[in-house]
Amino acid sequence: MEMSELFDLREKVENRVNQYWTYWSVSIFAVCGWMFTESAEKLDGAMSIFIAAGLIVFLLLILAY
C-alpha cells in the first residue's frame, strides 16, 4: 500500500466514525428528552422494549453503513 492510499483509508474511517457519533448522539438525546419530559406519557414494559429494540436496530444500521 502506498502512503496516499493509507491517508485515504484513514480519512474514510474518520468520516465513518464521525457520522456514527453524530447520528447516535442525536438519537440518544432525542429519545432521552422525549422520555424525561413531564408531558410525555409514562412508558409501560412493552413500549420500553420497542424503544430499546428500535435503538439497537438504529445502531446496527449505522454500523452496517
Protein backbone atom coordinates (compact mmCIF):
# COMPACT_ATOMS: atom_id res chain seq x y z
CA MET A 1 0.00 0.00 0.00
CA GLU A 2 1.19 3.44 -0.82
CA MET A 3 1.17 6.29 1.62
CA SER A 4 -1.60 8.14 -0.23
CA GLU A 5 -3.84 5.06 -0.01
CA LEU A 6 -3.24 4.88 3.73
CA PHE A 7 -4.22 8.54 4.13
CA ASP A 8 -7.38 7.96 2.09
CA LEU A 9 -8.25 4.96 4.24
CA ARG A 10 -7.69 6.96 7.42
CA GLU A 11 -9.97 9.75 6.21
CA LYS A 12 -12.72 7.31 5.25
CA VAL A 13 -12.59 5.64 8.66
CA GLU A 14 -12.57 9.01 10.41
CA ASN A 15 -15.60 10.19 8.42
CA ARG A 16 -17.48 7.00 9.25
CA VAL A 17 -16.76 7.33 12.98
CA ASN A 18 -17.83 10.99 12.93
CA GLN A 19 -21.10 10.11 11.20
CA TYR A 20 -21.72 7.31 13.70
CA TRP A 21 -21.27 9.57 16.72
CA THR A 22 -23.30 12.37 15.20
CA TYR A 23 -26.32 10.19 14.42
CA TRP A 24 -26.10 8.10 17.57
CA SER A 25 -25.73 11.04 19.96
CA VAL A 26 -28.60 12.94 18.32
CA SER A 27 -30.88 9.92 18.53
CA ILE A 28 -29.99 9.23 22.17
CA PHE A 29 -30.55 12.88 23.17
CA ALA A 30 -33.88 12.91 21.32
CA VAL A 31 -35.13 9.70 22.96
CA CYS A 32 -33.94 10.77 26.42
CA GLY A 33 -35.51 14.20 26.02
CA TRP A 34 -38.78 12.62 24.97
CA MET A 35 -38.75 10.10 27.82
CA PHE A 36 -37.94 12.61 30.57
CA THR A 37 -40.35 15.39 29.68
CA GLU A 38 -43.24 15.95 32.03
CA SER A 39 -45.84 15.98 29.26
CA ALA A 40 -44.89 12.55 27.89
CA GLU A 41 -46.98 9.61 28.93
CA LYS A 42 -45.29 7.05 31.11
CA LEU A 43 -43.95 4.04 29.25
CA ASP A 44 -45.15 0.56 30.01
CA GLY A 45 -43.00 -2.56 29.69
CA ALA A 46 -43.87 -3.32 26.06
CA MET A 47 -43.19 0.23 24.87
CA SER A 48 -39.81 0.25 26.62
CA ILE A 49 -38.86 -2.96 24.82
CA PHE A 50 -39.92 -1.48 21.46
CA ILE A 51 -37.85 1.65 22.06
CA ALA A 52 -34.79 -0.40 23.07
CA ALA A 53 -35.22 -2.64 20.01
CA GLY A 54 -35.54 0.42 17.78
CA LEU A 55 -32.34 1.92 19.16
CA ILE A 56 -30.49 -1.36 18.65
CA VAL A 57 -31.71 -1.59 15.05
CA PHE A 58 -30.68 2.03 14.52
CA LEU A 59 -27.20 1.27 15.88
CA LEU A 60 -26.84 -1.79 13.65
CA LEU A 61 -27.92 0.15 10.57
CA ILE A 62 -25.36 2.84 11.27
CA LEU A 63 -22.61 0.28 11.75
CA ALA A 64 -23.60 -1.55 8.55
CA TYR A 65 -23.33 1.68 6.55
